[in-house]
PDB file of N, CA and C in Angstrom:
ATOM      1  N   MET A   1    -107.543 108.332 -25.358  1.00  0.00           N
ATOM      2  CA  MET A   1    -107.099 106.760 -24.915  1.00  0.00           C
ATOM      3  C   MET A   1    -105.726 106.615 -25.142  1.00  0.00           C
ATOM      4  N   PRO A   2    -105.436 106.077 -24.354  1.00  0.00           N
ATOM      5  CA  PRO A   2    -103.836 105.392 -24.568  1.00  0.00           C
ATOM      6  C   PRO A   2    -103.636 104.822 -25.648  1.00  0.00           C
ATOM      7  N   ARG A   3    -102.170 104.878 -26.621  1.00  0.00           N
ATOM      8  CA  ARG A   3    -102.050 104.116 -27.771  1.00  0.00           C
ATOM      9  C   ARG A   3    -102.110 102.646 -27.580  1.00  0.00           C
ATOM     10  N   HIS A   4    -101.809 102.101 -26.208  1.00  0.00           N
ATOM     11  CA  HIS A   4    -101.576 100.584 -26.554  1.00  0.00           C
ATOM     12  C   HIS A   4    -103.095 100.114 -26.234  1.00  0.00           C
ATOM     13  N   THR A   5    -103.772 100.735 -25.531  1.00  0.00           N
ATOM     14  CA  THR A   5    -105.132 100.504 -25.187  1.00  0.00           C
ATOM     15  C   THR A   5    -105.861 100.522 -26.886  1.00  0.00           C
ATOM     16  N   GLY A   6    -105.749 101.362 -27.505  1.00  0.00           N
ATOM     17  CA  GLY A   6    -106.049 101.190 -28.887  1.00  0.00           C
ATOM     18  C   GLY A   6    -105.829  99.840 -29.695  1.00  0.00           C
ATOM     19  N   ARG A   7    -104.698  99.856 -29.501  1.00  0.00           N
ATOM     20  CA  ARG A   7    -104.147  98.886 -30.262  1.00  0.00           C
ATOM     21  C   ARG A   7    -104.401  97.579 -29.281  1.00  0.00           C
ATOM     22  N   GLN A   8    -105.095  97.454 -28.172  1.00  0.00           N
ATOM     23  CA  GLN A   8    -105.773  95.966 -27.764  1.00  0.00           C
ATOM     24  C   GLN A   8    -107.142  96.183 -28.196  1.00  0.00           C
ATOM     25  N   VAL A   9    -107.989  97.188 -28.502  1.00  0.00           N
ATOM     26  CA  VAL A   9    -108.723  97.224 -28.849  1.00  0.00           C
ATOM     27  C   VAL A   9    -108.922  96.378 -30.542  1.00  0.00           C
ATOM     28  N   LEU A  10    -108.399  97.113 -31.432  1.00  0.00           N
ATOM     29  CA  LEU A  10    -108.043  96.874 -32.679  1.00  0.00           C
ATOM     30  C   LEU A  10    -107.650  95.318 -32.910  1.00  0.00           C
ATOM     31  N   ALA A  11    -107.030  94.954 -32.086  1.00  0.00           N
ATOM     32  CA  ALA A  11    -106.331  93.610 -32.004  1.00  0.00           C
ATOM     33  C   ALA A  11    -107.553  92.524 -31.814  1.00  0.00           C
ATOM     34  N   ALA A  12    -108.424  93.144 -30.955  1.00  0.00           N
ATOM     35  CA  ALA A  12    -109.542  92.222 -30.204  1.00  0.00           C
ATOM     36  C   ALA A  12    -110.617  92.102 -31.258  1.00  0.00           C
ATOM     37  N   MET A  13    -110.832  93.561 -32.124  1.00  0.00           N
ATOM     38  CA  MET A  13    -112.020  93.195 -32.908  1.00  0.00           C
ATOM     39  C   MET A  13    -111.068  92.665 -34.718  1.00  0.00           C
ATOM     40  N   GLN A  14    -109.826  92.518 -34.671  1.00  0.00           N
ATOM     41  CA  GLN A  14    -109.777  91.839 -35.351  1.00  0.00           C
ATOM     42  C   GLN A  14    -109.504  90.429 -35.710  1.00  0.00           C
ATOM     43  N   ALA A  15    -109.209  90.082 -34.249  1.00  0.00           N
ATOM     44  CA  ALA A  15    -109.723  88.743 -33.765  1.00  0.00           C
ATOM     45  C   ALA A  15    -111.155  88.501 -34.204  1.00  0.00           C
ATOM     46  N   LEU A  16    -111.723  89.072 -33.612  1.00  0.00           N
ATOM     47  CA  LEU A  16    -113.273  88.912 -33.542  1.00  0.00           C
ATOM     48  C   LEU A  16    -113.887  88.755 -35.312  1.00  0.00           C
ATOM     49  N   ALA A  17    -113.519  89.728 -36.083  1.00  0.00           N
ATOM     50  CA  ALA A  17    -113.571  90.052 -37.542  1.00  0.00           C
ATOM     51  C   ALA A  17    -113.029  88.631 -38.140  1.00  0.00           C
ATOM     52  N   ASP A  18    -111.918  87.951 -38.044  1.00  0.00           N
ATOM     53  CA  ASP A  18    -111.338  86.632 -38.494  1.00  0.00           C
ATOM     54  C   ASP A  18    -112.331  85.607 -38.285  1.00  0.00           C
ATOM     55  N   LEU A  19    -113.142  85.660 -37.302  1.00  0.00           N
ATOM     56  CA  LEU A  19    -113.883  84.429 -36.787  1.00  0.00           C
ATOM     57  C   LEU A  19    -115.275  84.455 -37.533  1.00  0.00           C
ATOM     58  N   VAL A  20    -115.712  85.494 -38.084  1.00  0.00           N
ATOM     59  CA  VAL A  20    -117.005  86.088 -38.574  1.00  0.00           C
ATOM     60  C   VAL A  20    -117.230  84.713 -39.996  1.00  0.00           C
ATOM     61  N   ASP A  21    -118.261  84.136 -39.947  1.00  0.00           N
ATOM     62  CA  ASP A  21    -118.885  83.308 -41.343  1.00  0.00           C
ATOM     63  C   ASP A  21    -118.657  84.251 -42.240  1.00  0.00           C
ATOM     64  N   PRO A  22    -118.161  83.827 -43.358  1.00  0.00           N
ATOM     65  CA  PRO A  22    -118.259  84.725 -44.683  1.00  0.00           C
ATOM     66  C   PRO A  22    -119.715  85.376 -45.048  1.00  0.00           C
ATOM     67  N   ALA A  23    -120.527  84.591 -44.932  1.00  0.00           N
ATOM     68  CA  ALA A  23    -121.769  84.294 -45.167  1.00  0.00           C
ATOM     69  C   ALA A  23    -122.149  85.848 -44.589  1.00  0.00           C
ATOM     70  N   CYS A  24    -122.267  85.907 -43.107  1.00  0.00           N
ATOM     71  CA  CYS A  24    -122.476  87.070 -42.581  1.00  0.00           C
ATOM     72  C   CYS A  24    -122.015  88.402 -43.142  1.00  0.00           C
ATOM     73  N   ARG A  25    -120.924  88.502 -43.913  1.00  0.00           N
ATOM     74  CA  ARG A  25    -120.807  89.998 -44.242  1.00  0.00           C
ATOM     75  C   ARG A  25    -121.856  90.720 -45.410  1.00  0.00           C
ATOM     76  N   GLY A  26    -122.352  89.646 -45.356  1.00  0.00           N
ATOM     77  CA  GLY A  26    -123.430  90.756 -46.676  1.00  0.00           C
ATOM     78  C   GLY A  26    -124.814  90.677 -45.999  1.00  0.00           C
ATOM     79  N   MET A  27    -125.050  90.646 -44.695  1.00  0.00           N
ATOM     80  CA  MET A  27    -125.778  90.353 -43.735  1.00  0.00           C
ATOM     81  C   MET A  27    -126.305  91.932 -42.988  1.00  0.00           C
ATOM     82  N   ASP A  28    -127.572  92.312 -43.262  1.00  0.00           N
ATOM     83  CA  ASP A  28    -127.739  93.260 -41.998  1.00  0.00           C
ATOM     84  C   ASP A  28    -128.200  92.675 -40.556  1.00  0.00           C
ATOM     85  N   PRO A  29    -128.204  93.550 -40.038  1.00  0.00           N
ATOM     86  CA  PRO A  29    -127.901  92.713 -38.179  1.00  0.00           C
ATOM     87  C   PRO A  29    -129.370  92.210 -38.202  1.00  0.00           C
ATOM     88  N   ILE A  30    -130.655  92.344 -38.673  1.00  0.00           N
ATOM     89  CA  ILE A  30    -131.966  91.342 -38.834  1.00  0.00           C
ATOM     90  C   ILE A  30    -131.718  89.640 -39.364  1.00  0.00           C
ATOM     91  N   ALA A  31    -131.209  90.233 -40.704  1.00  0.00           N
ATOM     92  CA  ALA A  31    -130.671  89.017 -41.119  1.00  0.00           C
ATOM     93  C   ALA A  31    -129.702  87.862 -40.406  1.00  0.00           C
ATOM     94  N   ALA A  32    -128.775  88.594 -39.798  1.00  0.00           N
ATOM     95  CA  ALA A  32    -127.624  87.862 -38.888  1.00  0.00           C
ATOM     96  C   ALA A  32    -128.343  87.300 -37.767  1.00  0.00           C
ATOM     97  N   LEU A  33    -129.363  88.013 -37.121  1.00  0.00           N
ATOM     98  CA  LEU A  33    -130.193  87.340 -36.020  1.00  0.00           C
ATOM     99  C   LEU A  33    -131.101  86.135 -36.489  1.00  0.00           C
ATOM    100  N   ASP A  34    -132.071  86.808 -37.652  1.00  0.00           N
ATOM    101  CA  ASP A  34    -132.672  85.245 -38.108  1.00  0.00           C
ATOM    102  C   ASP A  34    -132.009  84.588 -38.219  1.00  0.00           C
ATOM    103  N   ALA A  35    -130.144  84.197 -38.963  1.00  0.00           N
ATOM    104  CA  ALA A  35    -129.654  83.273 -39.143  1.00  0.00           C
ATOM    105  C   ALA A  35    -129.384  82.595 -38.573  1.00  0.00           C
ATOM    106  N   LEU A  36    -128.983  83.111 -37.248  1.00  0.00           N
ATOM    107  CA  LEU A  36    -128.504  82.759 -35.963  1.00  0.00           C
ATOM    108  C   LEU A  36    -129.642  81.545 -35.351  1.00  0.00           C
ATOM    109  N   ALA A  37    -130.667  82.145 -35.251  1.00  0.00           N
ATOM    110  CA  ALA A  37    -132.142  81.804 -34.193  1.00  0.00           C
ATOM    111  C   ALA A  37    -131.895  80.244 -35.053  1.00  0.00           C
ATOM    112  N   ASP A  38    -131.997  80.392 -36.475  1.00  0.00           N
ATOM    113  CA  ASP A  38    -131.870  79.056 -37.537  1.00  0.00           C
ATOM    114  C   ASP A  38    -130.788  78.220 -37.606  1.00  0.00           C
ATOM    115  N   SER A  39    -129.586  78.486 -36.991  1.00  0.00           N
ATOM    116  CA  SER A  39    -128.514  77.940 -37.070  1.00  0.00           C
ATOM    117  C   SER A  39    -128.353  76.881 -36.185  1.00  0.00           C
ATOM    118  N   LYS A  40    -127.618  75.836 -36.684  1.00  0.00           N
ATOM    119  CA  LYS A  40    -127.390  74.670 -35.602  1.00  0.00           C
ATOM    120  C   LYS A  40    -125.867  74.784 -35.328  1.00  0.00           C
ATOM    121  N   THR A  41    -125.025  75.469 -36.134  1.00  0.00           N
ATOM    122  CA  THR A  41    -123.716  75.517 -35.831  1.00  0.00           C
ATOM    123  C   THR A  41    -123.577  76.936 -35.213  1.00  0.00           C
ATOM    124  N   HIS A  42    -123.810  77.995 -35.286  1.00  0.00           N
ATOM    125  CA  HIS A  42    -123.717  79.373 -35.219  1.00  0.00           C
ATOM    126  C   HIS A  42    -123.938  79.354 -33.505  1.00  0.00           C
ATOM    127  N   ARG A  43    -123.692  80.362 -32.254  1.00  0.00           N
ATOM    128  CA  ARG A  43    -124.099  80.367 -31.063  1.00  0.00           C
ATOM    129  C   ARG A  43    -124.030  82.132 -30.391  1.00  0.00           C
ATOM    130  N   VAL A  44    -123.477  82.677 -30.921  1.00  0.00           N
ATOM    131  CA  VAL A  44    -123.127  84.132 -30.550  1.00  0.00           C
ATOM    132  C   VAL A  44    -123.031  85.449 -31.747  1.00  0.00           C
ATOM    133  N   ILE A  45    -123.743  86.388 -31.799  1.00  0.00           N
ATOM    134  CA  ILE A  45    -123.229  87.510 -32.535  1.00  0.00           C
ATOM    135  C   ILE A  45    -123.115  88.492 -31.516  1.00  0.00           C
ATOM    136  N   PRO A  46    -121.504  89.040 -31.625  1.00  0.00           N
ATOM    137  CA  PRO A  46    -121.073  89.620 -29.834  1.00  0.00           C
ATOM    138  C   PRO A  46    -121.360  91.326 -30.267  1.00  0.00           C
ATOM    139  N   LEU A  47    -121.638  91.398 -30.921  1.00  0.00           N
ATOM    140  CA  LEU A  47    -122.266  93.249 -31.352  1.00  0.00           C
ATOM    141  C   LEU A  47    -123.162  93.459 -32.295  1.00  0.00           C
ATOM    142  N   THR A  48    -124.500  93.517 -31.985  1.00  0.00           N
ATOM    143  CA  THR A  48    -125.272  94.091 -32.667  1.00  0.00           C
ATOM    144  C   THR A  48    -126.335  94.870 -32.272  1.00  0.00           C
ATOM    145  N   TYR A  49    -127.158  94.702 -33.465  1.00  0.00           N
ATOM    146  CA  TYR A  49    -128.674  95.522 -32.864  1.00  0.00           C
ATOM    147  C   TYR A  49    -129.521  94.734 -32.007  1.00  0.00           C
ATOM    148  N   LEU A  50    -130.049  95.222 -31.132  1.00  0.00           N
ATOM    149  CA  LEU A  50    -131.355  94.472 -30.690  1.00  0.00           C
ATOM    150  C   LEU A  50    -132.145  94.683 -31.223  1.00  0.00           C
ATOM    151  N   TYR A  51    -132.822  93.619 -32.239  1.00  0.00           N
ATOM    152  CA  TYR A  51    -133.937  93.252 -32.862  1.00  0.00           C
ATOM    153  C   TYR A  51    -135.081  92.622 -31.533  1.00  0.00           C
ATOM    154  N   ALA A  52    -136.100  93.629 -30.964  1.00  0.00           N
ATOM    155  CA  ALA A  52    -137.105  93.059 -30.124  1.00  0.00           C
ATOM    156  C   ALA A  52    -137.801  91.343 -30.644  1.00  0.00           C
ATOM    157  N   PRO A  53    -138.649  91.627 -31.474  1.00  0.00           N
ATOM    158  CA  PRO A  53    -138.855  90.394 -32.300  1.00  0.00           C
ATOM    159  C   PRO A  53    -137.938  88.865 -31.954  1.00  0.00           C
ATOM    160  N   ASN A  54    -136.906  88.912 -32.158  1.00  0.00           N
ATOM    161  CA  ASN A  54    -136.322  87.806 -31.850  1.00  0.00           C
ATOM    162  C   ASN A  54    -135.834  87.244 -30.672  1.00  0.00           C
ATOM    163  N   GLY A  55    -135.966  88.322 -29.497  1.00  0.00           N
ATOM    164  CA  GLY A  55    -135.904  87.904 -28.248  1.00  0.00           C
ATOM    165  C   GLY A  55    -137.426  87.257 -27.623  1.00  0.00           C
ATOM    166  N   HIS A  56    -138.246  87.102 -28.881  1.00  0.00           N
ATOM    167  CA  HIS A  56    -139.937  86.741 -28.376  1.00  0.00           C
ATOM    168  C   HIS A  56    -139.790  85.112 -28.718  1.00  0.00           C
ATOM    169  N   ALA A  57    -140.120  84.409 -27.504  1.00  0.00           N
ATOM    170  CA  ALA A  57    -140.597  83.392 -27.917  1.00  0.00           C
ATOM    171  C   ALA A  57    -141.453  82.891 -28.944  1.00  0.00           C
ATOM    172  N   GLY A  58    -141.020  81.933 -29.998  1.00  0.00           N
ATOM    173  CA  GLY A  58    -142.006  81.564 -31.121  1.00  0.00           C
ATOM    174  C   GLY A  58    -141.444  82.144 -32.053  1.00  0.00           C
ATOM    175  N   TYR A  59    -141.351  83.630 -32.286  1.00  0.00           N
ATOM    176  CA  TYR A  59    -140.608  84.144 -33.269  1.00  0.00           C
ATOM    177  C   TYR A  59    -139.596  83.693 -34.513  1.00  0.00           C
ATOM    178  N   ARG A  60    -138.693  82.918 -34.200  1.00  0.00           N
ATOM    179  CA  ARG A  60    -138.365  82.147 -35.070  1.00  0.00           C
ATOM    180  C   ARG A  60    -137.697  80.453 -34.615  1.00  0.00           C
ATOM    181  N   SER A  61    -137.231  79.551 -34.799  1.00  0.00           N
ATOM    182  CA  SER A  61    -137.193  78.099 -34.095  1.00  0.00           C
ATOM    183  C   SER A  61    -136.607  78.574 -33.010  1.00  0.00           C
ATOM    184  N   GLN A  62    -135.320  79.468 -33.018  1.00  0.00           N
ATOM    185  CA  GLN A  62    -134.426  79.468 -31.462  1.00  0.00           C
ATOM    186  C   GLN A  62    -135.214  80.897 -31.143  1.00  0.00           C
ATOM    187  N   GLN A  63    -135.579  81.147 -30.038  1.00  0.00           N
ATOM    188  CA  GLN A  63    -135.382  82.405 -29.098  1.00  0.00           C
ATOM    189  C   GLN A  63    -133.629  83.065 -29.099  1.00  0.00           C
ATOM    190  N   ILE A  64    -133.775  84.225 -29.375  1.00  0.00           N
ATOM    191  CA  ILE A  64    -132.318  84.917 -29.164  1.00  0.00           C
ATOM    192  C   ILE A  64    -132.456  85.666 -27.977  1.00  0.00           C
ATOM    193  N   ARG A  65    -131.205  85.711 -27.032  1.00  0.00           N
ATOM    194  CA  ARG A  65    -131.438  86.380 -25.871  1.00  0.00           C
ATOM    195  C   ARG A  65    -130.203  87.271 -26.050  1.00  0.00           C
ATOM    196  N   PHE A  66    -130.195  88.618 -25.373  1.00  0.00           N
ATOM    197  CA  PHE A  66    -129.698  89.631 -25.356  1.00  0.00           C
ATOM    198  C   PHE A  66    -128.983  89.761 -24.441  1.00  0.00           C
ATOM    199  N   HIS A  67    -127.527  90.324 -24.027  1.00  0.00           N
ATOM    200  CA  HIS A  67    -126.751  90.717 -22.800  1.00  0.00           C
ATOM    201  C   HIS A  67    -126.131  91.961 -22.612  1.00  0.00           C
ATOM    202  N   ASP A  68    -125.424  92.549 -22.196  1.00  0.00           N
ATOM    203  CA  ASP A  68    -124.296  93.422 -22.456  1.00  0.00           C
ATOM    204  C   ASP A  68    -123.623  93.189 -23.197  1.00  0.00           C
ATOM    205  N   ILE A  69    -122.894  94.021 -23.707  1.00  0.00           N
ATOM    206  CA  ILE A  69    -121.444  93.808 -24.797  1.00  0.00           C
ATOM    207  C   ILE A  69    -120.280  93.278 -23.913  1.00  0.00           C
ATOM    208  N   PRO A  70    -119.523  92.340 -24.635  1.00  0.00           N
ATOM    209  CA  PRO A  70    -118.325  92.199 -24.101  1.00  0.00           C
ATOM    210  C   PRO A  70    -117.417  93.191 -23.815  1.00  0.00           C
ATOM    211  N   ALA A  71    -116.333  92.852 -22.845  1.00  0.00           N
ATOM    212  CA  ALA A  71    -115.130  94.002 -22.553  1.00  0.00           C
ATOM    213  C   ALA A  71    -113.958  93.649 -21.891  1.00  0.00           C
ATOM    214  N   ILE A  72    -113.025  94.141 -22.350  1.00  0.00           N
ATOM    215  CA  ILE A  72    -111.829  93.836 -22.245  1.00  0.00           C
ATOM    216  C   ILE A  72    -111.193  94.379 -20.690  1.00  0.00           C
ATOM    217  N   GLY A  73    -110.620  93.473 -19.923  1.00  0.00           N
ATOM    218  CA  GLY A  73    -110.108  93.787 -18.860  1.00  0.00           C
ATOM    219  C   GLY A  73    -111.505  94.013 -17.704  1.00  0.00           C
ATOM    220  N   GLN A  74    -111.386  94.462 -16.300  1.00  0.00           N
ATOM    221  CA  GLN A  74    -111.962  94.483 -15.377  1.00  0.00           C
ATOM    222  C   GLN A  74    -113.072  95.653 -15.440  1.00  0.00           C
ATOM    223  N   GLY A  75    -112.540  96.733 -16.202  1.00  0.00           N
ATOM    224  CA  GLY A  75    -113.379  98.076 -16.092  1.00  0.00           C
ATOM    225  C   GLY A  75    -114.897  97.734 -16.969  1.00  0.00           C
ATOM    226  N   GLY A  76    -115.569  96.699 -17.266  1.00  0.00           N
ATOM    227  CA  GLY A  76    -116.988  96.588 -17.981  1.00  0.00           C
ATOM    228  C   GLY A  76    -116.658  97.422 -19.189  1.00  0.00           C
ATOM    229  N   PRO A  77    -117.740  97.504 -20.359  1.00  0.00           N
ATOM    230  CA  PRO A  77    -117.922  98.020 -21.013  1.00  0.00           C
ATOM    231  C   PRO A  77    -118.219  99.745 -20.480  1.00  0.00           C
ATOM    232  N   ASN A  78    -117.836 100.437 -21.712  1.00  0.00           N
ATOM    233  CA  ASN A  78    -118.271 101.967 -21.819  1.00  0.00           C
ATOM    234  C   ASN A  78    -118.921 101.956 -22.686  1.00  0.00           C
ATOM    235  N   GLY A  79    -120.439 102.098 -22.258  1.00  0.00           N
ATOM    236  CA  GLY A  79    -121.380 102.239 -23.368  1.00  0.00           C
ATOM    237  C   GLY A  79    -121.680 101.379 -23.925  1.00  0.00           C
ATOM    238  N   SER A  80    -123.030 101.235 -24.895  1.00  0.00           N
ATOM    239  CA  SER A  80    -123.062  99.558 -25.374  1.00  0.00           C
ATOM    240  C   SER A  80    -124.034 100.167 -26.717  1.00  0.00           C
ATOM    241  N   ALA A  81    -124.418 101.468 -26.878  1.00  0.00           N
ATOM    242  CA  ALA A  81    -125.355 101.619 -28.273  1.00  0.00           C
ATOM    243  C   ALA A  81    -124.367 101.363 -29.534  1.00  0.00           C
ATOM    244  N   LEU A  82    -125.042 101.220 -30.316  1.00  0.00           N
ATOM    245  CA  LEU A  82    -124.640 100.709 -31.322  1.00  0.00           C
ATOM    246  C   LEU A  82    -125.533 101.408 -32.487  1.00  0.00           C
ATOM    247  N   GLY A  83    -124.959 102.316 -33.778  1.00  0.00           N
ATOM    248  CA  GLY A  83    -125.675 102.903 -34.817  1.00  0.00           C
ATOM    249  C   GLY A  83    -126.324 103.855 -34.131  1.00  0.00           C
ATOM    250  N   GLY A  84    -127.451 104.006 -34.977  1.00  0.00           N
ATOM    251  CA  GLY A  84    -128.076 105.422 -34.812  1.00  0.00           C
ATOM    252  C   GLY A  84    -129.786 105.269 -34.816  1.00  0.00           C
ATOM    253  N   THR A  85    -130.230 104.339 -34.452  1.00  0.00           N
ATOM    254  CA  THR A  85    -131.453 104.246 -34.881  1.00  0.00           C
ATOM    255  C   THR A  85    -132.605 104.827 -33.587  1.00  0.00           C
ATOM    256  N   GLY A  86    -133.455 105.505 -33.636  1.00  0.00           N
ATOM    257  CA  GLY A  86    -133.747 106.366 -32.609  1.00  0.00           C
ATOM    258  C   GLY A  86    -135.364 105.955 -32.505  1.00  0.00           C
ATOM    259  N   VAL A  87    -135.865 107.012 -31.765  1.00  0.00           N
ATOM    260  CA  VAL A  87    -137.005 106.804 -31.632  1.00  0.00           C
ATOM    261  C   VAL A  87    -137.717 108.567 -32.362  1.00  0.00           C
ATOM    262  N   ALA A  88    -139.031 108.081 -32.903  1.00  0.00           N
ATOM    263  CA  ALA A  88    -139.521 109.316 -33.073  1.00  0.00           C
ATOM    264  C   ALA A  88    -141.144 109.376 -32.501  1.00  0.00           C
ATOM    265  N   VAL A  89    -141.845 110.807 -32.288  1.00  0.00           N
ATOM    266  CA  VAL A  89    -142.831 111.131 -32.160  1.00  0.00           C
ATOM    267  C   VAL A  89    -143.883 111.675 -33.451  1.00  0.00           C
ATOM    268  N   SER A  90    -144.967 111.199 -33.290  1.00  0.00           N
ATOM    269  CA  SER A  90    -145.423 111.632 -34.501  1.00  0.00           C
ATOM    270  C   SER A  90    -146.283 113.168 -34.091  1.00  0.00           C
ATOM    271  N   ALA A  91    -146.164 114.115 -35.147  1.00  0.00           N
ATOM    272  CA  ALA A  91    -146.553 115.516 -35.079  1.00  0.00           C
ATOM    273  C   ALA A  91    -148.344 115.425 -34.946  1.00  0.00           C
ATOM    274  N   ARG A  92    -148.670 113.962 -35.051  1.00  0.00           N
ATOM    275  CA  ARG A  92    -150.004 114.283 -35.137  1.00  0.00           C
ATOM    276  C   ARG A  92    -150.451 114.011 -33.854  1.00  0.00           C
ATOM    277  N   THR A  93    -149.540 113.310 -33.109  1.00  0.00           N
ATOM    278  CA  THR A  93    -150.219 112.790 -31.718  1.00  0.00           C
ATOM    279  C   THR A  93    -151.063 113.426 -30.651  1.00  0.00           C
ATOM    280  N   ALA A  94    -152.128 112.742 -30.284  1.00  0.00           N
ATOM    281  CA  ALA A  94    -152.979 113.505 -29.286  1.00  0.00           C
ATOM    282  C   ALA A  94    -152.649 113.687 -27.595  1.00  0.00           C
ATOM    283  N   LEU A  95    -151.015 113.106 -27.977  1.00  0.00           N
ATOM    284  CA  LEU A  95    -150.706 113.269 -26.350  1.00  0.00           C
ATOM    285  C   LEU A  95    -149.431 113.575 -26.575  1.00  0.00           C
ATOM    286  N   PRO A  96    -149.095 114.978 -26.775  1.00  0.00           N
ATOM    287  CA  PRO A  96    -147.722 115.216 -27.149  1.00  0.00           C
ATOM    288  C   PRO A  96    -146.742 115.396 -26.304  1.00  0.00           C
ATOM    289  N   GLU A  97    -147.412 115.743 -24.953  1.00  0.00           N
ATOM    290  CA  GLU A  97    -146.663 115.697 -23.553  1.00  0.00           C
ATOM    291  C   GLU A  97    -146.138 114.348 -23.040  1.00  0.00           C
ATOM    292  N   ILE A  98    -146.940 113.374 -23.086  1.00  0.00           N
ATOM    293  CA  ILE A  98    -146.478 112.054 -22.991  1.00  0.00           C
ATOM    294  C   ILE A  98    -145.663 111.313 -23.742  1.00  0.00           C
ATOM    295  N   CYS A  99    -145.606 112.012 -25.059  1.00  0.00           N
ATOM    296  CA  CYS A  99    -144.847 111.029 -26.033  1.00  0.00           C
ATOM    297  C   CYS A  99    -143.573 111.751 -26.200  1.00  0.00           C
ATOM    298  N   THR A 100    -143.761 113.343 -25.664  1.00  0.00           N
ATOM    299  CA  THR A 100    -142.069 113.512 -25.744  1.00  0.00           C
ATOM    300  C   THR A 100    -141.470 113.070 -24.413  1.00  0.00           C
ATOM    301  N   ARG A 101    -142.150 113.073 -23.179  1.00  0.00           N
ATOM    302  CA  ARG A 101    -141.345 112.753 -22.216  1.00  0.00           C
ATOM    303  C   ARG A 101    -140.816 110.849 -22.150  1.00  0.00           C
ATOM    304  N   PHE A 102    -141.845 110.398 -22.795  1.00  0.00           N
ATOM    305  CA  PHE A 102    -140.947 108.704 -22.892  1.00  0.00           C
ATOM    306  C   PHE A 102    -139.902 108.726 -23.765  1.00  0.00           C
ATOM    307  N   PRO A 103    -139.262 109.335 -24.949  1.00  0.00           N
ATOM    308  CA  PRO A 103    -137.762 109.174 -25.334  1.00  0.00           C
ATOM    309  C   PRO A 103    -136.741 109.830 -24.305  1.00  0.00           C
ATOM    310  N   ILE A 104    -137.438 110.584 -23.466  1.00  0.00           N
ATOM    311  CA  ILE A 104    -136.271 111.437 -22.386  1.00  0.00           C
ATOM    312  C   ILE A 104    -136.075 110.285 -21.380  1.00  0.00           C
ATOM    313  N   TRP A 105    -136.978 109.799 -20.951  1.00  0.00           N
ATOM    314  CA  TRP A 105    -136.813 108.562 -20.289  1.00  0.00           C
ATOM    315  C   TRP A 105    -136.140 107.449 -20.501  1.00  0.00           C
ATOM    316  N   LEU A 106    -136.523 107.373 -21.980  1.00  0.00           N
ATOM    317  CA  LEU A 106    -135.963 106.045 -22.620  1.00  0.00           C
ATOM    318  C   LEU A 106    -134.551 105.900 -22.702  1.00  0.00           C
ATOM    319  N   ALA A 107    -133.836 107.464 -22.938  1.00  0.00           N
ATOM    320  CA  ALA A 107    -132.187 107.707 -23.094  1.00  0.00           C
ATOM    321  C   ALA A 107    -131.969 109.250 -22.623  1.00  0.00           C
ATOM    322  N   PRO A 108    -132.071 109.212 -21.581  1.00  0.00           N
ATOM    323  CA  PRO A 108    -131.563 110.535 -20.740  1.00  0.00           C
ATOM    324  C   PRO A 108    -130.349 110.798 -21.085  1.00  0.00           C
ATOM    325  N   MET A 109    -130.385 112.413 -21.382  1.00  0.00           N
ATOM    326  CA  MET A 109    -129.019 112.707 -21.462  1.00  0.00           C
ATOM    327  C   MET A 109    -128.002 112.663 -20.562  1.00  0.00           C
ATOM    328  N   PRO A 110    -126.869 112.326 -20.452  1.00  0.00           N
ATOM    329  CA  PRO A 110    -125.708 112.086 -19.461  1.00  0.00           C
ATOM    330  C   PRO A 110    -125.539 113.140 -18.736  1.00  0.00           C
ATOM    331  N   ARG A 111    -125.476 113.408 -17.478  1.00  0.00           N
ATOM    332  CA  ARG A 111    -125.177 114.792 -16.825  1.00  0.00           C
ATOM    333  C   ARG A 111    -123.595 115.164 -16.344  1.00  0.00           C
TER     334      ARG A 111
END
């Protein structure tokens, strides 16, 4: 990555960090999404884990809608996964072949 691009990214991240409500600094992603759903003033979490129940109508007072991550410039985001949450297959499954194919379909390796 060119040095000027790295500086742009860091400046954008600092600008976002400066706007974060201090109460959010002690929240995990689920608590932040719950707070967003119940808030009268907050409207967006620019980067967070997708916690599917928050996307369902009736789960909280307001339904959360998820979208692609924001990007600087015209190139769009270069990937969008945050963190390391994974998919597990039980060793006791009665359908190991199907249960193994599903995570491969869900997150295929880049070619």
